[in-house]
Amino acid sequence: MRVIALRHPVRWASAAVIILLLLWSAKVLVTTAAFEWDVVGSYLFNLLVLDGVAQTLGMTALVLVIGIIGGAIIAIMRLSPNPVLHSMAHFYQWFFRGTPPLVQLIFWFNLSSVFPKFELTLFEHTFYSISTNSLMTPFVSALLGLGLPLSAYYSEIVRAGILAVDEGQWEAASAYALTPFQTMRHVVLPQAMRVIIPPTGNEAIGTLKFTSLATIVSYSELLHTVSSIYNTNFQTIPLLIVAALWYLFLTSVLSIGQYFLEQRFAKGSTRSARQPLISKFWSTILRQVKTA
């Protein structure tokens, strides 16, 4: 029997179209004078820009801590048989998922309009008082305005991961006399992490980019730092490209971390995450550095 190789004309045609589009994009990037790549290169590692990158990373890490811990607590409350805890968690999700983060940022920054100061008063004697303006700094406002909505979104991710674990796992753990806490920690969560990790990586990348909203409350993250520079020298497009390049680099690093976390928690599963091209690239670079 003669074996004839399977042909893929659509695959080759789509590959040719993609290559042509890439070549056209490269030509536009190189020949467009407005991009001013020499200005981009001079500001890419500017100390002010690097400080903005550090502030962005710090804000991202803290917002993720608030979102992950708060989201886990809210998810457990949603799954609780206690109607009070369940209702409180549902209201929390409804409110913080229903209002835009930008609105919340502005609200927290202007909280002094509602509460001029916070006081601890007992029997008409004030033990402690602090001005809201001094308390709600741009940093605190950004932390609350980004962290609280993230916890509401992340709670649904955790809840979905827990519900994805078969109920028989709970019954088996109960048969071994494990407490609910031990069952959650040693049985349910290790299995739920396969479901939780991919959207967690997505939320981490989204949080990194959402920190740019903090510029509205004058927090000195990457976009605010870049905008303060181009408001002085009027090099708007090159400096926006600088910010975009840094965001692309940081999100690529987070994507690589997400891949390795997925591999870690996919042990024992018949399906594993496919390594992204950017991860393959950096893995090859790291192997070459180790062997050099």
C-alpha atoms as a PDB file:
ATOM      1  CA  MET A   1       0.000   0.000   0.000  1.00  0.00           C
ATOM      2  CA  ARG A   2       1.397   3.356  -0.995  1.00  0.00           C
ATOM      3  CA  VAL A   3       1.578   5.871   1.862  1.00  0.00           C
ATOM      4  CA  ILE A   4       0.842   9.470   0.895  1.00  0.00           C
ATOM      5  CA  ALA A   5       1.845  12.238   3.308  1.00  0.00           C
ATOM      6  CA  LEU A   6      -1.018  14.308   4.612  1.00  0.00           C
ATOM      7  CA  ARG A   7      -0.921  17.815   3.190  1.00  0.00           C
ATOM      8  CA  HIS A   8      -1.757  20.964   5.167  1.00  0.00           C
ATOM      9  CA  PRO A   9      -2.336  23.783   2.649  1.00  0.00           C
ATOM     10  CA  VAL A  10      -4.318  25.926   5.101  1.00  0.00           C
ATOM     11  CA  ARG A  11      -1.569  25.616   7.703  1.00  0.00           C
ATOM     12  CA  TRP A  12       1.112  26.739   5.241  1.00  0.00           C
ATOM     13  CA  ALA A  13      -1.065  29.580   3.935  1.00  0.00           C
ATOM     14  CA  SER A  14      -1.785  30.854   7.448  1.00  0.00           C
ATOM     15  CA  ALA A  15       1.915  30.639   8.306  1.00  0.00           C
ATOM     16  CA  ALA A  16       2.775  32.698   5.204  1.00  0.00           C
ATOM     17  CA  VAL A  17       0.173  35.334   6.123  1.00  0.00           C
ATOM     18  CA  ILE A  18       1.514  35.549   9.676  1.00  0.00           C
ATOM     19  CA  ILE A  19       5.099  35.913   8.438  1.00  0.00           C
ATOM     20  CA  LEU A  20       4.049  38.708   6.076  1.00  0.00           C
ATOM     21  CA  LEU A  21       2.237  40.476   8.914  1.00  0.00           C
ATOM     22  CA  LEU A  22       5.306  40.154  11.154  1.00  0.00           C
ATOM     23  CA  LEU A  23       7.561  41.573   8.443  1.00  0.00           C
ATOM     24  CA  TRP A  24       5.148  44.461   7.889  1.00  0.00           C
ATOM     25  CA  SER A  25       4.994  45.146  11.644  1.00  0.00           C
ATOM     26  CA  ALA A  26       8.798  45.096  11.881  1.00  0.00           C
ATOM     27  CA  LYS A  27       9.039  47.546   8.979  1.00  0.00           C
ATOM     28  CA  VAL A  28       6.535  49.896  10.650  1.00  0.00           C
ATOM     29  CA  LEU A  29       8.419  49.750  13.954  1.00  0.00           C
ATOM     30  CA  VAL A  30      11.765  50.475  12.324  1.00  0.00           C
ATOM     31  CA  THR A  31      10.732  53.140   9.799  1.00  0.00           C
ATOM     32  CA  THR A  32       8.223  55.180  11.833  1.00  0.00           C
ATOM     33  CA  ALA A  33      10.098  58.277  12.977  1.00  0.00           C
ATOM     34  CA  ALA A  34       7.604  59.109  15.737  1.00  0.00           C
ATOM     35  CA  PHE A  35       8.728  56.105  17.794  1.00  0.00           C
ATOM     36  CA  GLU A  36      12.185  57.683  18.316  1.00  0.00           C
ATOM     37  CA  TRP A  37      13.962  54.514  19.390  1.00  0.00           C
ATOM     38  CA  ASP A  38      17.057  56.473  20.437  1.00  0.00           C
ATOM     39  CA  VAL A  39      14.934  58.275  23.052  1.00  0.00           C
ATOM     40  CA  VAL A  40      13.425  54.939  24.121  1.00  0.00           C
ATOM     41  CA  GLY A  41      16.907  53.495  24.642  1.00  0.00           C
ATOM     42  CA  SER A  42      18.053  56.491  26.665  1.00  0.00           C
ATOM     43  CA  TYR A  43      15.111  56.270  29.080  1.00  0.00           C
ATOM     44  CA  LEU A  44      14.651  52.492  29.275  1.00  0.00           C
ATOM     45  CA  PHE A  45      17.012  52.163  32.254  1.00  0.00           C
ATOM     46  CA  ASN A  46      16.605  55.669  33.597  1.00  0.00           C
ATOM     47  CA  LEU A  47      16.751  55.757  37.411  1.00  0.00           C
ATOM     48  CA  LEU A  48      13.317  57.367  37.669  1.00  0.00           C
ATOM     49  CA  VAL A  49      11.831  54.706  35.396  1.00  0.00           C
ATOM     50  CA  LEU A  50      13.527  51.916  37.362  1.00  0.00           C
ATOM     51  CA  ASP A  51      12.116  53.386  40.568  1.00  0.00           C
ATOM     52  CA  GLY A  52       8.651  53.316  38.982  1.00  0.00           C
ATOM     53  CA  VAL A  53       9.190  49.668  38.030  1.00  0.00           C
ATOM     54  CA  ALA A  54      10.146  48.856  41.626  1.00  0.00           C
ATOM     55  CA  GLN A  55       7.060  50.659  42.950  1.00  0.00           C
ATOM     56  CA  THR A  56       4.882  48.750  40.474  1.00  0.00           C
ATOM     57  CA  LEU A  57       6.337  45.414  41.555  1.00  0.00           C
ATOM     58  CA  GLY A  58       5.901  46.265  45.244  1.00  0.00           C
ATOM     59  CA  MET A  59       2.304  47.337  44.749  1.00  0.00           C
ATOM     60  CA  THR A  60       1.576  44.216  42.670  1.00  0.00           C
ATOM     61  CA  ALA A  61       2.978  41.914  45.359  1.00  0.00           C
ATOM     62  CA  LEU A  62       1.008  43.551  48.185  1.00  0.00           C
ATOM     63  CA  VAL A  63      -2.241  43.639  46.191  1.00  0.00           C
ATOM     64  CA  LEU A  64      -1.804  39.944  45.364  1.00  0.00           C
ATOM     65  CA  VAL A  65      -1.269  39.113  49.041  1.00  0.00           C
ATOM     66  CA  ILE A  66      -4.478  40.952  49.971  1.00  0.00           C
ATOM     67  CA  GLY A  67      -6.383  39.430  47.059  1.00  0.00           C
ATOM     68  CA  ILE A  68      -5.251  35.831  47.594  1.00  0.00           C
ATOM     69  CA  ILE A  69      -5.670  35.758  51.370  1.00  0.00           C
ATOM     70  CA  GLY A  70      -8.923  37.725  51.292  1.00  0.00           C
ATOM     71  CA  GLY A  71     -10.240  35.698  48.369  1.00  0.00           C
ATOM     72  CA  ALA A  72      -9.538  32.401  50.130  1.00  0.00           C
ATOM     73  CA  ILE A  73     -11.377  33.601  53.247  1.00  0.00           C
ATOM     74  CA  ILE A  74     -14.361  34.845  51.234  1.00  0.00           C
ATOM     75  CA  ALA A  75     -14.503  31.570  49.272  1.00  0.00           C
ATOM     76  CA  ILE A  76     -14.582  29.505  52.470  1.00  0.00           C
ATOM     77  CA  MET A  77     -17.305  31.786  53.821  1.00  0.00           C
ATOM     78  CA  ARG A  78     -19.325  31.270  50.611  1.00  0.00           C
ATOM     79  CA  LEU A  79     -19.073  27.505  51.074  1.00  0.00           C
ATOM     80  CA  SER A  80     -19.903  27.657  54.776  1.00  0.00           C
ATOM     81  CA  PRO A  81     -23.284  26.227  55.912  1.00  0.00           C
ATOM     82  CA  ASN A  82     -23.564  29.243  58.218  1.00  0.00           C
ATOM     83  CA  PRO A  83     -26.164  31.511  56.526  1.00  0.00           C
ATOM     84  CA  VAL A  84     -24.684  34.671  58.073  1.00  0.00           C
ATOM     85  CA  LEU A  85     -21.170  33.997  56.759  1.00  0.00           C
ATOM     86  CA  HIS A  86     -22.556  32.896  53.391  1.00  0.00           C
ATOM     87  CA  SER A  87     -24.655  36.061  53.042  1.00  0.00           C
ATOM     88  CA  MET A  88     -21.792  38.349  54.092  1.00  0.00           C
ATOM     89  CA  ALA A  89     -19.453  36.753  51.551  1.00  0.00           C
ATOM     90  CA  HIS A  90     -22.050  36.991  48.807  1.00  0.00           C
ATOM     91  CA  PHE A  91     -22.678  40.687  49.572  1.00  0.00           C
ATOM     92  CA  TYR A  92     -18.921  41.366  49.566  1.00  0.00           C
ATOM     93  CA  GLN A  93     -18.574  39.765  46.128  1.00  0.00           C
ATOM     94  CA  TRP A  94     -21.644  41.558  44.796  1.00  0.00           C
ATOM     95  CA  PHE A  95     -20.404  44.981  45.901  1.00  0.00           C
ATOM     96  CA  PHE A  96     -16.712  44.827  44.988  1.00  0.00           C
ATOM     97  CA  ARG A  97     -17.252  43.034  41.689  1.00  0.00           C
ATOM     98  CA  GLY A  98     -20.051  45.420  40.767  1.00  0.00           C
ATOM     99  CA  THR A  99     -18.103  48.684  41.154  1.00  0.00           C
ATOM    100  CA  PRO A 100     -15.147  49.589  38.886  1.00  0.00           C
ATOM    101  CA  PRO A 101     -11.684  49.614  40.517  1.00  0.00           C
ATOM    102  CA  LEU A 102     -11.105  53.155  39.224  1.00  0.00           C
ATOM    103  CA  VAL A 103     -14.199  54.379  41.085  1.00  0.00           C
ATOM    104  CA  GLN A 104     -13.017  52.635  44.244  1.00  0.00           C
ATOM    105  CA  LEU A 105      -9.558  54.183  43.941  1.00  0.00           C
ATOM    106  CA  ILE A 106     -11.043  57.677  43.721  1.00  0.00           C
ATOM    107  CA  PHE A 107     -13.432  56.945  46.594  1.00  0.00           C
ATOM    108  CA  TRP A 108     -10.705  55.746  48.981  1.00  0.00           C
ATOM    109  CA  PHE A 109      -8.498  58.701  48.054  1.00  0.00           C
ATOM    110  CA  ASN A 110     -11.345  61.108  48.846  1.00  0.00           C
ATOM    111  CA  LEU A 111     -12.580  59.309  51.954  1.00  0.00           C
ATOM    112  CA  SER A 112     -11.876  62.421  54.036  1.00  0.00           C
ATOM    113  CA  SER A 113     -14.932  64.032  52.410  1.00  0.00           C
ATOM    114  CA  VAL A 114     -17.069  61.451  54.258  1.00  0.00           C
ATOM    115  CA  PHE A 115     -14.974  60.889  57.377  1.00  0.00           C
ATOM    116  CA  PRO A 116     -12.672  63.869  58.103  1.00  0.00           C
ATOM    117  CA  LYS A 117     -10.944  61.872  60.846  1.00  0.00           C
ATOM    118  CA  PHE A 118     -11.032  58.570  62.659  1.00  0.00           C
ATOM    119  CA  GLU A 119     -11.470  58.683  66.422  1.00  0.00           C
ATOM    120  CA  LEU A 120     -11.589  56.184  69.271  1.00  0.00           C
ATOM    121  CA  THR A 121     -13.957  57.708  71.836  1.00  0.00           C
ATOM    122  CA  LEU A 122     -15.255  56.212  75.080  1.00  0.00           C
ATOM    123  CA  PHE A 123     -17.447  58.065  77.610  1.00  0.00           C
ATOM    124  CA  GLU A 124     -16.863  61.338  75.741  1.00  0.00           C
ATOM    125  CA  HIS A 125     -13.111  60.927  76.062  1.00  0.00           C
ATOM    126  CA  THR A 126     -11.062  60.637  72.871  1.00  0.00           C
ATOM    127  CA  PHE A 127      -8.226  58.119  73.231  1.00  0.00           C
ATOM    128  CA  TYR A 128      -7.002  58.261  69.659  1.00  0.00           C
ATOM    129  CA  SER A 129      -7.627  60.520  66.668  1.00  0.00           C
ATOM    130  CA  ILE A 130      -6.057  60.675  63.222  1.00  0.00           C
ATOM    131  CA  SER A 131      -6.820  62.749  60.162  1.00  0.00           C
ATOM    132  CA  THR A 132      -8.161  60.756  57.219  1.00  0.00           C
ATOM    133  CA  ASN A 133      -5.988  62.743  54.816  1.00  0.00           C
ATOM    134  CA  SER A 134      -2.847  61.605  56.616  1.00  0.00           C
ATOM    135  CA  LEU A 135      -4.107  58.029  56.739  1.00  0.00           C
ATOM    136  CA  MET A 136      -5.378  57.656  53.161  1.00  0.00           C
ATOM    137  CA  THR A 137      -2.125  58.281  51.331  1.00  0.00           C
ATOM    138  CA  PRO A 138      -1.871  57.446  47.615  1.00  0.00           C
ATOM    139  CA  PHE A 139      -0.197  54.166  48.585  1.00  0.00           C
ATOM    140  CA  VAL A 140      -2.976  53.089  50.994  1.00  0.00           C
ATOM    141  CA  SER A 141      -5.702  54.236  48.592  1.00  0.00           C
ATOM    142  CA  ALA A 142      -4.170  52.226  45.744  1.00  0.00           C
ATOM    143  CA  LEU A 143      -3.724  49.204  47.999  1.00  0.00           C
ATOM    144  CA  LEU A 144      -7.386  49.192  49.047  1.00  0.00           C
ATOM    145  CA  GLY A 145      -8.774  50.204  45.660  1.00  0.00           C
ATOM    146  CA  LEU A 146      -6.973  47.335  43.911  1.00  0.00           C
ATOM    147  CA  GLY A 147      -6.722  44.703  46.651  1.00  0.00           C
ATOM    148  CA  LEU A 148     -10.365  44.556  47.743  1.00  0.00           C
ATOM    149  CA  PRO A 149     -11.821  44.037  44.232  1.00  0.00           C
ATOM    150  CA  LEU A 150      -9.153  41.415  43.540  1.00  0.00           C
ATOM    151  CA  SER A 151     -10.147  39.467  46.658  1.00  0.00           C
ATOM    152  CA  ALA A 152     -13.762  39.442  45.439  1.00  0.00           C
ATOM    153  CA  TYR A 153     -12.761  38.093  42.016  1.00  0.00           C
ATOM    154  CA  TYR A 154     -10.224  35.647  43.413  1.00  0.00           C
ATOM    155  CA  SER A 155     -12.748  34.196  45.854  1.00  0.00           C
ATOM    156  CA  GLU A 156     -14.676  32.769  42.911  1.00  0.00           C
ATOM    157  CA  ILE A 157     -11.477  31.207  41.556  1.00  0.00           C
ATOM    158  CA  VAL A 158     -10.806  29.491  44.886  1.00  0.00           C
ATOM    159  CA  ARG A 159     -14.442  28.415  45.209  1.00  0.00           C
ATOM    160  CA  ALA A 160     -14.385  26.906  41.723  1.00  0.00           C
ATOM    161  CA  GLY A 161     -11.185  25.020  42.543  1.00  0.00           C
ATOM    162  CA  ILE A 162     -12.628  23.605  45.769  1.00  0.00           C
ATOM    163  CA  LEU A 163     -15.882  22.585  44.094  1.00  0.00           C
ATOM    164  CA  ALA A 164     -13.873  20.832  41.349  1.00  0.00           C
ATOM    165  CA  VAL A 165     -12.618  18.278  43.906  1.00  0.00           C
ATOM    166  CA  ASP A 166     -14.854  15.232  44.079  1.00  0.00           C
ATOM    167  CA  GLU A 167     -17.058  14.975  47.164  1.00  0.00           C
ATOM    168  CA  GLY A 168     -15.720  11.488  47.751  1.00  0.00           C
ATOM    169  CA  GLN A 169     -12.426  13.059  48.841  1.00  0.00           C
ATOM    170  CA  TRP A 170     -14.221  14.733  51.751  1.00  0.00           C
ATOM    171  CA  GLU A 171     -15.904  11.468  52.697  1.00  0.00           C
ATOM    172  CA  ALA A 172     -12.618   9.555  52.557  1.00  0.00           C
ATOM    173  CA  ALA A 173     -10.898  12.151  54.727  1.00  0.00           C
ATOM    174  CA  SER A 174     -13.765  12.017  57.199  1.00  0.00           C
ATOM    175  CA  ALA A 175     -13.408   8.219  57.355  1.00  0.00           C
ATOM    176  CA  TYR A 176      -9.787   8.722  58.391  1.00  0.00           C
ATOM    177  CA  ALA A 177     -10.979  11.067  61.174  1.00  0.00           C
ATOM    178  CA  LEU A 178      -9.407  14.162  59.646  1.00  0.00           C
ATOM    179  CA  THR A 179     -10.745  17.498  60.820  1.00  0.00           C
ATOM    180  CA  PRO A 180     -12.270  19.894  58.242  1.00  0.00           C
ATOM    181  CA  PHE A 181      -9.116  22.040  58.435  1.00  0.00           C
ATOM    182  CA  GLN A 182      -6.845  19.014  57.876  1.00  0.00           C
ATOM    183  CA  THR A 183      -9.052  17.834  55.025  1.00  0.00           C
ATOM    184  CA  MET A 184      -8.907  21.251  53.368  1.00  0.00           C
ATOM    185  CA  ARG A 185      -5.139  21.587  53.812  1.00  0.00           C
ATOM    186  CA  HIS A 186      -3.913  18.065  53.002  1.00  0.00           C
ATOM    187  CA  VAL A 187      -6.577  16.647  50.693  1.00  0.00           C
ATOM    188  CA  VAL A 188      -8.708  19.279  48.967  1.00  0.00           C
ATOM    189  CA  LEU A 189      -6.381  22.225  48.310  1.00  0.00           C
ATOM    190  CA  PRO A 190      -3.506  20.191  46.748  1.00  0.00           C
ATOM    191  CA  GLN A 191      -5.994  18.857  44.195  1.00  0.00           C
ATOM    192  CA  ALA A 192      -7.799  22.165  43.758  1.00  0.00           C
ATOM    193  CA  MET A 193      -4.539  23.953  42.955  1.00  0.00           C
ATOM    194  CA  ARG A 194      -4.533  22.444  39.448  1.00  0.00           C
ATOM    195  CA  VAL A 195      -7.704  24.414  38.800  1.00  0.00           C
ATOM    196  CA  ILE A 196      -6.689  27.493  40.800  1.00  0.00           C
ATOM    197  CA  ILE A 197      -3.175  28.135  39.437  1.00  0.00           C
ATOM    198  CA  PRO A 198      -3.969  29.077  35.765  1.00  0.00           C
ATOM    199  CA  PRO A 199      -6.527  31.797  36.623  1.00  0.00           C
ATOM    200  CA  THR A 200      -4.286  32.914  39.494  1.00  0.00           C
ATOM    201  CA  GLY A 201      -1.506  33.592  37.009  1.00  0.00           C
ATOM    202  CA  ASN A 202      -3.981  35.469  34.863  1.00  0.00           C
ATOM    203  CA  GLU A 203      -5.058  37.580  37.858  1.00  0.00           C
ATOM    204  CA  ALA A 204      -1.400  38.270  38.748  1.00  0.00           C
ATOM    205  CA  ILE A 205      -0.712  39.566  35.242  1.00  0.00           C
ATOM    206  CA  GLY A 206      -3.909  41.608  35.317  1.00  0.00           C
ATOM    207  CA  THR A 207      -2.991  43.061  38.713  1.00  0.00           C
ATOM    208  CA  LEU A 208       0.424  44.103  37.415  1.00  0.00           C
ATOM    209  CA  LYS A 209      -1.247  46.064  34.618  1.00  0.00           C
ATOM    210  CA  PHE A 210      -4.067  47.394  36.807  1.00  0.00           C
ATOM    211  CA  THR A 211      -1.486  49.111  39.030  1.00  0.00           C
ATOM    212  CA  SER A 212      -1.333  51.708  36.246  1.00  0.00           C
ATOM    213  CA  LEU A 213      -4.754  52.889  37.482  1.00  0.00           C
ATOM    214  CA  ALA A 214      -3.030  54.100  40.647  1.00  0.00           C
ATOM    215  CA  THR A 215      -1.692  57.048  38.655  1.00  0.00           C
ATOM    216  CA  ILE A 216      -5.139  58.636  39.162  1.00  0.00           C
ATOM    217  CA  VAL A 217      -4.345  59.006  42.891  1.00  0.00           C
ATOM    218  CA  SER A 218      -0.768  60.190  42.179  1.00  0.00           C
ATOM    219  CA  TYR A 219       0.934  56.983  43.306  1.00  0.00           C
ATOM    220  CA  SER A 220       4.415  56.865  41.769  1.00  0.00           C
ATOM    221  CA  GLU A 221       4.199  53.595  39.859  1.00  0.00           C
ATOM    222  CA  LEU A 222       5.611  53.036  36.362  1.00  0.00           C
ATOM    223  CA  LEU A 223       2.969  54.871  34.315  1.00  0.00           C
ATOM    224  CA  HIS A 224       2.871  57.840  36.706  1.00  0.00           C
ATOM    225  CA  THR A 225       6.669  58.114  36.601  1.00  0.00           C
ATOM    226  CA  VAL A 226       6.735  57.952  32.807  1.00  0.00           C
ATOM    227  CA  SER A 227       3.926  60.487  32.469  1.00  0.00           C
ATOM    228  CA  SER A 228       5.709  62.908  34.806  1.00  0.00           C
ATOM    229  CA  ILE A 229       8.758  62.694  32.509  1.00  0.00           C
ATOM    230  CA  TYR A 230       6.920  63.210  29.222  1.00  0.00           C
ATOM    231  CA  ASN A 231       4.933  66.083  30.729  1.00  0.00           C
ATOM    232  CA  THR A 232       8.307  67.787  31.102  1.00  0.00           C
ATOM    233  CA  ASN A 233      10.105  66.917  27.851  1.00  0.00           C
ATOM    234  CA  PHE A 234       6.988  66.252  25.678  1.00  0.00           C
ATOM    235  CA  GLN A 235       8.416  62.941  24.399  1.00  0.00           C
ATOM    236  CA  THR A 236       5.072  61.209  24.907  1.00  0.00           C
ATOM    237  CA  ILE A 237       5.222  58.305  22.433  1.00  0.00           C
ATOM    238  CA  PRO A 238       8.803  57.143  23.208  1.00  0.00           C
ATOM    239  CA  LEU A 239       8.163  57.168  26.949  1.00  0.00           C
ATOM    240  CA  LEU A 240       4.887  55.276  26.556  1.00  0.00           C
ATOM    241  CA  ILE A 241       6.873  52.698  24.586  1.00  0.00           C
ATOM    242  CA  VAL A 242       9.318  52.512  27.518  1.00  0.00           C
ATOM    243  CA  ALA A 243       6.421  51.749  29.874  1.00  0.00           C
ATOM    244  CA  ALA A 244       4.962  49.197  27.443  1.00  0.00           C
ATOM    245  CA  LEU A 245       8.302  47.394  27.112  1.00  0.00           C
ATOM    246  CA  TRP A 246       8.655  47.130  30.876  1.00  0.00           C
ATOM    247  CA  TYR A 247       5.088  45.843  31.250  1.00  0.00           C
ATOM    248  CA  LEU A 248       5.733  43.270  28.507  1.00  0.00           C
ATOM    249  CA  PHE A 249       8.920  42.107  30.213  1.00  0.00           C
ATOM    250  CA  LEU A 250       7.313  41.814  33.662  1.00  0.00           C
ATOM    251  CA  THR A 251       4.241  39.994  32.368  1.00  0.00           C
ATOM    252  CA  SER A 252       6.528  37.584  30.482  1.00  0.00           C
ATOM    253  CA  VAL A 253       8.363  36.792  33.724  1.00  0.00           C
ATOM    254  CA  LEU A 254       5.036  36.178  35.486  1.00  0.00           C
ATOM    255  CA  SER A 255       3.932  33.903  32.641  1.00  0.00           C
ATOM    256  CA  ILE A 256       7.088  31.818  33.067  1.00  0.00           C
ATOM    257  CA  GLY A 257       6.440  31.553  36.809  1.00  0.00           C
ATOM    258  CA  GLN A 258       2.865  30.482  36.125  1.00  0.00           C
ATOM    259  CA  TYR A 259       4.092  27.698  33.817  1.00  0.00           C
ATOM    260  CA  PHE A 260       6.435  26.238  36.426  1.00  0.00           C
ATOM    261  CA  LEU A 261       3.742  26.437  39.117  1.00  0.00           C
ATOM    262  CA  GLU A 262       1.347  24.581  36.833  1.00  0.00           C
ATOM    263  CA  GLN A 263       4.012  21.925  36.284  1.00  0.00           C
ATOM    264  CA  ARG A 264       4.549  21.646  40.044  1.00  0.00           C
ATOM    265  CA  PHE A 265       0.885  21.061  40.852  1.00  0.00           C
ATOM    266  CA  ALA A 266       0.203  18.925  37.753  1.00  0.00           C
ATOM    267  CA  LYS A 267       2.233  16.004  39.111  1.00  0.00           C
ATOM    268  CA  GLY A 268       0.179  12.828  38.950  1.00  0.00           C
ATOM    269  CA  SER A 269      -2.092  14.248  36.260  1.00  0.00           C
ATOM    270  CA  THR A 270      -2.207  12.799  32.757  1.00  0.00           C
ATOM    271  CA  ARG A 271      -2.384  16.293  31.303  1.00  0.00           C
ATOM    272  CA  SER A 272       0.272  18.949  31.814  1.00  0.00           C
ATOM    273  CA  ALA A 273       0.642  22.546  30.743  1.00  0.00           C
ATOM    274  CA  ARG A 274       2.375  23.204  27.429  1.00  0.00           C
ATOM    275  CA  GLN A 275       5.449  25.342  27.800  1.00  0.00           C
ATOM    276  CA  PRO A 276       4.981  28.827  26.262  1.00  0.00           C
ATOM    277  CA  LEU A 277       7.457  29.977  23.617  1.00  0.00           C
ATOM    278  CA  ILE A 278       8.826  32.680  25.925  1.00  0.00           C
ATOM    279  CA  SER A 279       9.448  30.044  28.621  1.00  0.00           C
ATOM    280  CA  LYS A 280      11.269  27.824  26.109  1.00  0.00           C
ATOM    281  CA  PHE A 281      13.423  30.784  25.098  1.00  0.00           C
ATOM    282  CA  TRP A 282      14.468  31.658  28.650  1.00  0.00           C
ATOM    283  CA  SER A 283      14.942  27.979  29.570  1.00  0.00           C
ATOM    284  CA  THR A 284      17.353  27.612  26.644  1.00  0.00           C
ATOM    285  CA  ILE A 285      19.247  30.747  27.724  1.00  0.00           C
ATOM    286  CA  LEU A 286      19.528  29.480  31.306  1.00  0.00           C
ATOM    287  CA  ARG A 287      20.825  26.066  30.158  1.00  0.00           C
ATOM    288  CA  GLN A 288      23.460  27.727  27.988  1.00  0.00           C
ATOM    289  CA  VAL A 289      24.553  29.941  30.903  1.00  0.00           C
ATOM    290  CA  LYS A 290      24.860  26.904  33.228  1.00  0.00           C
ATOM    291  CA  THR A 291      26.902  24.895  30.720  1.00  0.00           C
ATOM    292  CA  ALA A 292      29.193  27.848  29.877  1.00  0.00           C
END
